[in-house]
Amino acid sequence: GQVYKIGKDVVAPGLVYSVEPEYPEAARKAKDKFGGTCLIGLVVDSSGIVHNVHVKRSLRPDFDAKAVESVEQYRFKPAMRANVPVAVALNVEVDFVRR
């Protein structure tokens, strides 16, 4: 089906469930305090399920993989257009902070 952009007559989906990304094990064991943000692109379908998860701005391959893994588990209240649930494309920033 059609994938809309948020704006005009399309109301953004609402995040109802998210998972914190796991800090990559190799980076955790390293003494450096590496961190940053990955930009992840995705489509939220008309039932709020995430599809087509992909990296739009890479941080590092191991961090990118953990970001994708967490975003694939997100669930949303669907985007709406004329009071009808629709699929939308959006970007999500996933932050990694060394704890």
PDB file of N, CA and C in Angstrom:
ATOM      1  N   GLY A   1       0.809  -1.191   0.000  1.00  0.00           N
ATOM      2  CA  GLY A   1       0.000   0.000   0.000  1.00  0.00           C
ATOM      3  C   GLY A   1       0.853   1.257   0.000  1.00  0.00           C
ATOM      4  N   GLN A   2       0.192   2.362   0.002  1.00  0.00           N
ATOM      5  CA  GLN A   2       0.874   3.649  -0.027  1.00  0.00           C
ATOM      6  C   GLN A   2       1.489   3.974   1.326  1.00  0.00           C
ATOM      7  N   VAL A   3       2.680   4.563   1.283  1.00  0.00           N
ATOM      8  CA  VAL A   3       3.366   5.025   2.491  1.00  0.00           C
ATOM      9  C   VAL A   3       3.380   6.550   2.444  1.00  0.00           C
ATOM     10  N   TYR A   4       2.809   7.166   3.464  1.00  0.00           N
ATOM     11  CA  TYR A   4       2.676   8.619   3.518  1.00  0.00           C
ATOM     12  C   TYR A   4       3.838   9.255   4.276  1.00  0.00           C
ATOM     13  N   LYS A   5       3.952  10.570   4.097  1.00  0.00           N
ATOM     14  CA  LYS A   5       4.864  11.378   4.901  1.00  0.00           C
ATOM     15  C   LYS A   5       4.024  12.093   5.943  1.00  0.00           C
ATOM     16  N   ILE A   6       4.592  12.288   7.124  1.00  0.00           N
ATOM     17  CA  ILE A   6       3.894  12.987   8.193  1.00  0.00           C
ATOM     18  C   ILE A   6       3.806  14.467   7.842  1.00  0.00           C
ATOM     19  N   GLY A   7       2.651  15.051   8.083  1.00  0.00           N
ATOM     20  CA  GLY A   7       2.439  16.468   7.798  1.00  0.00           C
ATOM     21  C   GLY A   7       1.152  16.654   7.016  1.00  0.00           C
ATOM     22  N   LYS A   8       0.784  17.892   6.789  1.00  0.00           N
ATOM     23  CA  LYS A   8      -0.468  18.239   6.110  1.00  0.00           C
ATOM     24  C   LYS A   8      -1.621  17.506   6.765  1.00  0.00           C
ATOM     25  N   ASP A   9      -2.185  16.505   6.084  1.00  0.00           N
ATOM     26  CA  ASP A   9      -3.356  15.798   6.616  1.00  0.00           C
ATOM     27  C   ASP A   9      -3.005  14.453   7.250  1.00  0.00           C
ATOM     28  N   VAL A  10      -1.715  14.188   7.471  1.00  0.00           N
ATOM     29  CA  VAL A  10      -1.288  12.916   8.076  1.00  0.00           C
ATOM     30  C   VAL A  10      -0.726  13.191   9.471  1.00  0.00           C
ATOM     31  N   VAL A  11      -1.386  12.611  10.476  1.00  0.00           N
ATOM     32  CA  VAL A  11      -0.973  12.778  11.871  1.00  0.00           C
ATOM     33  C   VAL A  11       0.036  11.680  12.216  1.00  0.00           C
ATOM     34  N   ALA A  12       1.134  12.082  12.851  1.00  0.00           N
ATOM     35  CA  ALA A  12       2.223  11.158  13.191  1.00  0.00           C
ATOM     36  C   ALA A  12       1.748  10.002  14.072  1.00  0.00           C
ATOM     37  N   PRO A  13       2.403   8.843  13.937  1.00  0.00           N
ATOM     38  CA  PRO A  13       2.086   7.725  14.827  1.00  0.00           C
ATOM     39  C   PRO A  13       2.589   8.031  16.237  1.00  0.00           C
ATOM     40  N   GLY A  14       2.011   7.371  17.220  1.00  0.00           N
ATOM     41  CA  GLY A  14       2.443   7.550  18.609  1.00  0.00           C
ATOM     42  C   GLY A  14       3.189   6.321  19.092  1.00  0.00           C
ATOM     43  N   LEU A  15       4.367   6.529  19.642  1.00  0.00           N
ATOM     44  CA  LEU A  15       5.164   5.417  20.154  1.00  0.00           C
ATOM     45  C   LEU A  15       4.508   4.870  21.417  1.00  0.00           C
ATOM     46  N   VAL A  16       4.219   3.565  21.424  1.00  0.00           N
ATOM     47  CA  VAL A  16       3.597   2.955  22.603  1.00  0.00           C
ATOM     48  C   VAL A  16       4.519   1.949  23.281  1.00  0.00           C
ATOM     49  N   TYR A  17       5.554   1.485  22.569  1.00  0.00           N
ATOM     50  CA  TYR A  17       6.491   0.533  23.157  1.00  0.00           C
ATOM     51  C   TYR A  17       7.846   0.704  22.488  1.00  0.00           C
ATOM     52  N   SER A  18       8.886   0.846  23.291  1.00  0.00           N
ATOM     53  CA  SER A  18      10.227   0.935  22.739  1.00  0.00           C
ATOM     54  C   SER A  18      11.189   0.124  23.591  1.00  0.00           C
ATOM     55  N   VAL A  19      12.316  -0.200  23.019  1.00  0.00           N
ATOM     56  CA  VAL A  19      13.352  -0.976  23.691  1.00  0.00           C
ATOM     57  C   VAL A  19      14.642  -0.173  23.636  1.00  0.00           C
ATOM     58  N   GLU A  20      15.294  -0.010  24.792  1.00  0.00           N
ATOM     59  CA  GLU A  20      16.587   0.673  24.818  1.00  0.00           C
ATOM     60  C   GLU A  20      17.605  -0.193  24.067  1.00  0.00           C
ATOM     61  N   PRO A  21      18.434   0.424  23.232  1.00  0.00           N
ATOM     62  CA  PRO A  21      19.440  -0.369  22.520  1.00  0.00           C
ATOM     63  C   PRO A  21      20.496  -0.878  23.493  1.00  0.00           C
ATOM     64  N   GLU A  22      20.985  -2.060  23.199  1.00  0.00           N
ATOM     65  CA  GLU A  22      22.044  -2.645  24.014  1.00  0.00           C
ATOM     66  C   GLU A  22      23.380  -2.081  23.538  1.00  0.00           C
ATOM     67  N   TYR A  23      24.197  -1.622  24.470  1.00  0.00           N
ATOM     68  CA  TYR A  23      25.529  -1.127  24.126  1.00  0.00           C
ATOM     69  C   TYR A  23      26.345  -2.332  23.658  1.00  0.00           C
ATOM     70  N   PRO A  24      26.959  -2.288  22.478  1.00  0.00           N
ATOM     71  CA  PRO A  24      27.676  -3.457  21.945  1.00  0.00           C
ATOM     72  C   PRO A  24      28.723  -3.990  22.919  1.00  0.00           C
ATOM     73  N   GLU A  25      28.801  -5.311  23.024  1.00  0.00           N
ATOM     74  CA  GLU A  25      29.679  -5.952  24.005  1.00  0.00           C
ATOM     75  C   GLU A  25      31.145  -5.568  23.816  1.00  0.00           C
ATOM     76  N   ALA A  26      31.624  -5.574  22.584  1.00  0.00           N
ATOM     77  CA  ALA A  26      33.029  -5.240  22.333  1.00  0.00           C
ATOM     78  C   ALA A  26      33.332  -3.815  22.798  1.00  0.00           C
ATOM     79  N   ALA A  27      32.408  -2.902  22.566  1.00  0.00           N
ATOM     80  CA  ALA A  27      32.589  -1.512  22.985  1.00  0.00           C
ATOM     81  C   ALA A  27      32.508  -1.393  24.502  1.00  0.00           C
ATOM     82  N   ARG A  28      31.680  -2.231  25.120  1.00  0.00           N
ATOM     83  CA  ARG A  28      31.547  -2.218  26.578  1.00  0.00           C
ATOM     84  C   ARG A  28      32.848  -2.645  27.241  1.00  0.00           C
ATOM     85  N   LYS A  29      33.518  -3.646  26.642  1.00  0.00           N
ATOM     86  CA  LYS A  29      34.763  -4.170  27.202  1.00  0.00           C
ATOM     87  C   LYS A  29      35.932  -3.220  26.967  1.00  0.00           C
ATOM     88  N   ALA A  30      35.844  -2.399  25.922  1.00  0.00           N
ATOM     89  CA  ALA A  30      36.918  -1.460  25.607  1.00  0.00           C
ATOM     90  C   ALA A  30      36.942  -0.343  26.652  1.00  0.00           C
ATOM     91  N   LYS A  31      38.095   0.261  26.797  1.00  0.00           N
ATOM     92  CA  LYS A  31      38.231   1.326  27.788  1.00  0.00           C
ATOM     93  C   LYS A  31      37.731   2.672  27.257  1.00  0.00           C
ATOM     94  N   ASP A  32      37.541   2.770  25.949  1.00  0.00           N
ATOM     95  CA  ASP A  32      37.075   4.052  25.407  1.00  0.00           C
ATOM     96  C   ASP A  32      35.615   4.298  25.777  1.00  0.00           C
ATOM     97  N   LYS A  33      35.220   5.526  25.758  1.00  0.00           N
ATOM     98  CA  LYS A  33      33.851   5.912  26.116  1.00  0.00           C
ATOM     99  C   LYS A  33      33.085   6.271  24.849  1.00  0.00           C
ATOM    100  N   PHE A  34      33.207   5.442  23.821  1.00  0.00           N
ATOM    101  CA  PHE A  34      32.583   5.719  22.533  1.00  0.00           C
ATOM    102  C   PHE A  34      31.068   5.750  22.675  1.00  0.00           C
ATOM    103  N   GLY A  35      30.442   6.690  22.007  1.00  0.00           N
ATOM    104  CA  GLY A  35      28.994   6.787  22.003  1.00  0.00           C
ATOM    105  C   GLY A  35      28.570   7.723  20.889  1.00  0.00           C
ATOM    106  N   GLY A  36      27.283   7.889  20.729  1.00  0.00           N
ATOM    107  CA  GLY A  36      26.782   8.766  19.689  1.00  0.00           C
ATOM    108  C   GLY A  36      25.373   8.385  19.295  1.00  0.00           C
ATOM    109  N   THR A  37      24.989   8.812  18.101  1.00  0.00           N
ATOM    110  CA  THR A  37      23.614   8.628  17.638  1.00  0.00           C
ATOM    111  C   THR A  37      23.584   8.005  16.244  1.00  0.00           C
ATOM    112  N   CYS A  38      22.750   6.986  16.070  1.00  0.00           N
ATOM    113  CA  CYS A  38      22.456   6.397  14.757  1.00  0.00           C
ATOM    114  C   CYS A  38      21.122   6.980  14.303  1.00  0.00           C
ATOM    115  N   LEU A  39      20.980   7.221  13.022  1.00  0.00           N
ATOM    116  CA  LEU A  39      19.684   7.618  12.475  1.00  0.00           C
ATOM    117  C   LEU A  39      19.124   6.420  11.728  1.00  0.00           C
ATOM    118  N   ILE A  40      17.948   5.987  12.157  1.00  0.00           N
ATOM    119  CA  ILE A  40      17.315   4.790  11.605  1.00  0.00           C
ATOM    120  C   ILE A  40      16.047   5.189  10.860  1.00  0.00           C
ATOM    121  N   GLY A  41      15.912   4.728   9.620  1.00  0.00           N
ATOM    122  CA  GLY A  41      14.705   4.933   8.841  1.00  0.00           C
ATOM    123  C   GLY A  41      13.807   3.712   8.966  1.00  0.00           C
ATOM    124  N   LEU A  42      12.501   3.924   8.913  1.00  0.00           N
ATOM    125  CA  LEU A  42      11.568   2.806   9.033  1.00  0.00           C
ATOM    126  C   LEU A  42      10.206   3.201   8.484  1.00  0.00           C
ATOM    127  N   VAL A  43       9.364   2.200   8.317  1.00  0.00           N
ATOM    128  CA  VAL A  43       7.969   2.413   7.949  1.00  0.00           C
ATOM    129  C   VAL A  43       7.119   1.827   9.073  1.00  0.00           C
ATOM    130  N   VAL A  44       6.149   2.623   9.543  1.00  0.00           N
ATOM    131  CA  VAL A  44       5.161   2.148  10.508  1.00  0.00           C
ATOM    132  C   VAL A  44       3.901   1.858   9.706  1.00  0.00           C
ATOM    133  N   ASP A  45       3.452   0.597   9.714  1.00  0.00           N
ATOM    134  CA  ASP A  45       2.274   0.253   8.909  1.00  0.00           C
ATOM    135  C   ASP A  45       0.983   0.695   9.598  1.00  0.00           C
ATOM    136  N   SER A  46      -0.139   0.445   8.943  1.00  0.00           N
ATOM    137  CA  SER A  46      -1.429   0.932   9.438  1.00  0.00           C
ATOM    138  C   SER A  46      -1.888   0.232  10.716  1.00  0.00           C
ATOM    139  N   SER A  47      -1.155  -0.802  11.152  1.00  0.00           N
ATOM    140  CA  SER A  47      -1.487  -1.432  12.440  1.00  0.00           C
ATOM    141  C   SER A  47      -0.446  -1.101  13.506  1.00  0.00           C
ATOM    142  N   GLY A  48       0.536  -0.240  13.172  1.00  0.00           N
ATOM    143  CA  GLY A  48       1.521   0.186  14.155  1.00  0.00           C
ATOM    144  C   GLY A  48       2.768  -0.673  14.228  1.00  0.00           C
ATOM    145  N   ILE A  49       2.898  -1.603  13.298  1.00  0.00           N
ATOM    146  CA  ILE A  49       4.062  -2.503  13.264  1.00  0.00           C
ATOM    147  C   ILE A  49       5.162  -1.875  12.403  1.00  0.00           C
ATOM    148  N   VAL A  50       6.415  -2.067  12.829  1.00  0.00           N
ATOM    149  CA  VAL A  50       7.575  -1.496  12.148  1.00  0.00           C
ATOM    150  C   VAL A  50       8.061  -2.425  11.036  1.00  0.00           C
ATOM    151  N   HIS A  51       8.393  -1.832   9.882  1.00  0.00           N
ATOM    152  CA  HIS A  51       8.927  -2.570   8.733  1.00  0.00           C
ATOM    153  C   HIS A  51      10.067  -1.769   8.100  1.00  0.00           C
ATOM    154  N   ASN A  52      10.808  -2.418   7.212  1.00  0.00           N
ATOM    155  CA  ASN A  52      11.830  -1.751   6.393  1.00  0.00           C
ATOM    156  C   ASN A  52      12.799  -0.919   7.227  1.00  0.00           C
ATOM    157  N   VAL A  53      13.267  -1.495   8.328  1.00  0.00           N
ATOM    158  CA  VAL A  53      14.202  -0.785   9.211  1.00  0.00           C
ATOM    159  C   VAL A  53      15.576  -0.769   8.552  1.00  0.00           C
ATOM    160  N   HIS A  54      16.159   0.431   8.447  1.00  0.00           N
ATOM    161  CA  HIS A  54      17.471   0.559   7.802  1.00  0.00           C
ATOM    162  C   HIS A  54      18.243   1.743   8.385  1.00  0.00           C
ATOM    163  N   VAL A  55      19.555   1.674   8.276  1.00  0.00           N
ATOM    164  CA  VAL A  55      20.424   2.727   8.802  1.00  0.00           C
ATOM    165  C   VAL A  55      20.507   3.860   7.785  1.00  0.00           C
ATOM    166  N   LYS A  56      20.202   5.072   8.229  1.00  0.00           N
ATOM    167  CA  LYS A  56      20.309   6.249   7.366  1.00  0.00           C
ATOM    168  C   LYS A  56      21.583   7.036   7.666  1.00  0.00           C
ATOM    169  N   ARG A  57      22.007   7.049   8.931  1.00  0.00           N
ATOM    170  CA  ARG A  57      23.275   7.672   9.297  1.00  0.00           C
ATOM    171  C   ARG A  57      23.955   6.740  10.286  1.00  0.00           C
ATOM    172  N   SER A  58      25.086   6.203   9.856  1.00  0.00           N
ATOM    173  CA  SER A  58      25.804   5.194  10.627  1.00  0.00           C
ATOM    174  C   SER A  58      26.623   5.814  11.756  1.00  0.00           C
ATOM    175  N   LEU A  59      26.723   5.085  12.837  1.00  0.00           N
ATOM    176  CA  LEU A  59      27.615   5.445  13.930  1.00  0.00           C
ATOM    177  C   LEU A  59      28.860   4.567  13.834  1.00  0.00           C
ATOM    178  N   ARG A  60      28.650   3.274  13.847  1.00  0.00           N
ATOM    179  CA  ARG A  60      29.680   2.260  13.673  1.00  0.00           C
ATOM    180  C   ARG A  60      28.911   0.958  13.449  1.00  0.00           C
ATOM    181  N   PRO A  61      29.402   0.026  12.650  1.00  0.00           N
ATOM    182  CA  PRO A  61      28.597  -1.165  12.319  1.00  0.00           C
ATOM    183  C   PRO A  61      28.008  -1.897  13.524  1.00  0.00           C
ATOM    184  N   ASP A  62      28.776  -2.075  14.596  1.00  0.00           N
ATOM    185  CA  ASP A  62      28.247  -2.801  15.752  1.00  0.00           C
ATOM    186  C   ASP A  62      27.125  -2.004  16.442  1.00  0.00           C
ATOM    187  N   PHE A  63      27.268  -0.690  16.501  1.00  0.00           N
ATOM    188  CA  PHE A  63      26.213   0.143  17.076  1.00  0.00           C
ATOM    189  C   PHE A  63      24.995   0.186  16.162  1.00  0.00           C
ATOM    190  N   ASP A  64      25.228   0.274  14.861  1.00  0.00           N
ATOM    191  CA  ASP A  64      24.122   0.282  13.893  1.00  0.00           C
ATOM    192  C   ASP A  64      23.260  -0.967  14.054  1.00  0.00           C
ATOM    193  N   ALA A  65      23.907  -2.125  14.171  1.00  0.00           N
ATOM    194  CA  ALA A  65      23.177  -3.395  14.302  1.00  0.00           C
ATOM    195  C   ALA A  65      22.324  -3.409  15.560  1.00  0.00           C
ATOM    196  N   LYS A  66      22.855  -2.906  16.664  1.00  0.00           N
ATOM    197  CA  LYS A  66      22.088  -2.867  17.921  1.00  0.00           C
ATOM    198  C   LYS A  66      20.931  -1.876  17.827  1.00  0.00           C
ATOM    199  N   ALA A  67      21.140  -0.765  17.111  1.00  0.00           N
ATOM    200  CA  ALA A  67      20.066   0.214  16.926  1.00  0.00           C
ATOM    201  C   ALA A  67      18.921  -0.396  16.122  1.00  0.00           C
ATOM    202  N   VAL A  68      19.259  -1.062  15.020  1.00  0.00           N
ATOM    203  CA  VAL A  68      18.246  -1.710  14.184  1.00  0.00           C
ATOM    204  C   VAL A  68      17.495  -2.763  14.999  1.00  0.00           C
ATOM    205  N   GLU A  69      18.229  -3.558  15.758  1.00  0.00           N
ATOM    206  CA  GLU A  69      17.633  -4.615  16.588  1.00  0.00           C
ATOM    207  C   GLU A  69      16.608  -4.033  17.570  1.00  0.00           C
ATOM    208  N   SER A  70      16.920  -2.907  18.179  1.00  0.00           N
ATOM    209  CA  SER A  70      15.980  -2.322  19.145  1.00  0.00           C
ATOM    210  C   SER A  70      14.768  -1.696  18.437  1.00  0.00           C
ATOM    211  N   VAL A  71      14.997  -0.980  17.336  1.00  0.00           N
ATOM    212  CA  VAL A  71      13.900  -0.307  16.635  1.00  0.00           C
ATOM    213  C   VAL A  71      12.916  -1.315  16.030  1.00  0.00           C
ATOM    214  N   GLU A  72      13.406  -2.470  15.615  1.00  0.00           N
ATOM    215  CA  GLU A  72      12.515  -3.505  15.062  1.00  0.00           C
ATOM    216  C   GLU A  72      11.466  -3.957  16.073  1.00  0.00           C
ATOM    217  N   GLN A  73      11.713  -3.723  17.358  1.00  0.00           N
ATOM    218  CA  GLN A  73      10.776  -4.130  18.405  1.00  0.00           C
ATOM    219  C   GLN A  73       9.784  -3.033  18.784  1.00  0.00           C
ATOM    220  N   TYR A  74       9.965  -1.823  18.268  1.00  0.00           N
ATOM    221  CA  TYR A  74       9.068  -0.714  18.586  1.00  0.00           C
ATOM    222  C   TYR A  74       7.651  -1.029  18.110  1.00  0.00           C
ATOM    223  N   ARG A  75       6.674  -0.484  18.828  1.00  0.00           N
ATOM    224  CA  ARG A  75       5.274  -0.561  18.417  1.00  0.00           C
ATOM    225  C   ARG A  75       4.668   0.836  18.540  1.00  0.00           C
ATOM    226  N   PHE A  76       3.768   1.143  17.615  1.00  0.00           N
ATOM    227  CA  PHE A  76       3.174   2.476  17.536  1.00  0.00           C
ATOM    228  C   PHE A  76       1.662   2.416  17.497  1.00  0.00           C
ATOM    229  N   LYS A  77       1.051   3.517  17.923  1.00  0.00           N
ATOM    230  CA  LYS A  77      -0.352   3.789  17.605  1.00  0.00           C
ATOM    231  C   LYS A  77      -0.278   4.312  16.174  1.00  0.00           C
ATOM    232  N   PRO A  78      -1.021   3.749  15.232  1.00  0.00           N
ATOM    233  CA  PRO A  78      -0.845   4.100  13.816  1.00  0.00           C
ATOM    234  C   PRO A  78      -1.013   5.586  13.505  1.00  0.00           C
ATOM    235  N   ALA A  79      -0.346   6.015  12.450  1.00  0.00           N
ATOM    236  CA  ALA A  79      -0.563   7.355  11.913  1.00  0.00           C
ATOM    237  C   ALA A  79      -1.985   7.402  11.354  1.00  0.00           C
ATOM    238  N   MET A  80      -2.555   8.601  11.318  1.00  0.00           N
ATOM    239  CA  MET A  80      -3.936   8.738  10.854  1.00  0.00           C
ATOM    240  C   MET A  80      -4.030   9.763   9.726  1.00  0.00           C
ATOM    241  N   ARG A  81      -4.882   9.456   8.763  1.00  0.00           N
ATOM    242  CA  ARG A  81      -5.204  10.382   7.680  1.00  0.00           C
ATOM    243  C   ARG A  81      -6.709  10.294   7.465  1.00  0.00           C
ATOM    244  N   ALA A  82      -7.405  11.385   7.673  1.00  0.00           N
ATOM    245  CA  ALA A  82      -8.871  11.422   7.565  1.00  0.00           C
ATOM    246  C   ALA A  82      -9.504  10.350   8.453  1.00  0.00           C
ATOM    247  N   ASN A  83      -8.981  10.240   9.674  1.00  0.00           N
ATOM    248  CA  ASN A  83      -9.462   9.263  10.663  1.00  0.00           C
ATOM    249  C   ASN A  83      -9.323   7.808  10.238  1.00  0.00           C
ATOM    250  N   VAL A  84      -8.405   7.547   9.315  1.00  0.00           N
ATOM    251  CA  VAL A  84      -8.126   6.187   8.864  1.00  0.00           C
ATOM    252  C   VAL A  84      -6.648   5.898   9.113  1.00  0.00           C
ATOM    253  N   PRO A  85      -6.316   4.735   9.721  1.00  0.00           N
ATOM    254  CA  PRO A  85      -4.908   4.405   9.943  1.00  0.00           C
ATOM    255  C   PRO A  85      -4.180   4.225   8.600  1.00  0.00           C
ATOM    256  N   VAL A  86      -2.976   4.809   8.510  1.00  0.00           N
ATOM    257  CA  VAL A  86      -2.181   4.696   7.288  1.00  0.00           C
ATOM    258  C   VAL A  86      -0.730   4.379   7.639  1.00  0.00           C
ATOM    259  N   ALA A  87       0.002   3.883   6.649  1.00  0.00           N
ATOM    260  CA  ALA A  87       1.433   3.623   6.810  1.00  0.00           C
ATOM    261  C   ALA A  87       2.196   4.922   6.568  1.00  0.00           C
ATOM    262  N   VAL A  88       3.255   5.140   7.385  1.00  0.00           N
ATOM    263  CA  VAL A  88       4.093   6.327   7.210  1.00  0.00           C
ATOM    264  C   VAL A  88       5.569   5.941   7.311  1.00  0.00           C
ATOM    265  N   ALA A  89       6.397   6.738   6.625  1.00  0.00           N
ATOM    266  CA  ALA A  89       7.845   6.609   6.739  1.00  0.00           C
ATOM    267  C   ALA A  89       8.321   7.624   7.774  1.00  0.00           C
ATOM    268  N   LEU A  90       9.255   7.214   8.610  1.00  0.00           N
ATOM    269  CA  LEU A  90       9.834   8.157   9.544  1.00  0.00           C
ATOM    270  C   LEU A  90      11.246   7.767   9.917  1.00  0.00           C
ATOM    271  N   ASN A  91      11.935   8.701  10.559  1.00  0.00           N
ATOM    272  CA  ASN A  91      13.291   8.476  11.032  1.00  0.00           C
ATOM    273  C   ASN A  91      13.306   8.545  12.549  1.00  0.00           C
ATOM    274  N   VAL A  92      14.144   7.715  13.158  1.00  0.00           N
ATOM    275  CA  VAL A  92      14.279   7.675  14.604  1.00  0.00           C
ATOM    276  C   VAL A  92      15.761   7.800  14.935  1.00  0.00           C
ATOM    277  N   GLU A  93      16.090   8.676  15.871  1.00  0.00           N
ATOM    278  CA  GLU A  93      17.464   8.770  16.360  1.00  0.00           C
ATOM    279  C   GLU A  93      17.617   7.813  17.527  1.00  0.00           C
ATOM    280  N   VAL A  94      18.648   6.979  17.496  1.00  0.00           N
ATOM    281  CA  VAL A  94      18.935   6.046  18.567  1.00  0.00           C
ATOM    282  C   VAL A  94      20.251   6.468  19.205  1.00  0.00           C
ATOM    283  N   ASP A  95      20.178   6.855  20.469  1.00  0.00           N
ATOM    284  CA  ASP A  95      21.358   7.347  21.182  1.00  0.00           C
ATOM    285  C   ASP A  95      22.031   6.250  21.970  1.00  0.00           C
ATOM    286  N   PHE A  96      23.360   6.250  21.916  1.00  0.00           N
ATOM    287  CA  PHE A  96      24.163   5.341  22.710  1.00  0.00           C
ATOM    288  C   PHE A  96      25.023   6.184  23.654  1.00  0.00           C
ATOM    289  N   VAL A  97      24.791   6.018  24.942  1.00  0.00           N
ATOM    290  CA  VAL A  97      25.562   6.729  25.954  1.00  0.00           C
ATOM    291  C   VAL A  97      26.248   5.693  26.825  1.00  0.00           C
ATOM    292  N   ARG A  98      27.542   5.832  26.991  1.00  0.00           N
ATOM    293  CA  ARG A  98      28.285   4.893  27.832  1.00  0.00           C
ATOM    294  C   ARG A  98      27.849   5.057  29.278  1.00  0.00           C
ATOM    295  N   ARG A  99      27.370   3.992  29.873  1.00  0.00           N
ATOM    296  CA  ARG A  99      26.907   4.050  31.269  1.00  0.00           C
ATOM    297  C   ARG A  99      27.929   3.444  32.183  1.00  0.00           C
TER     298      ARG A  99
END
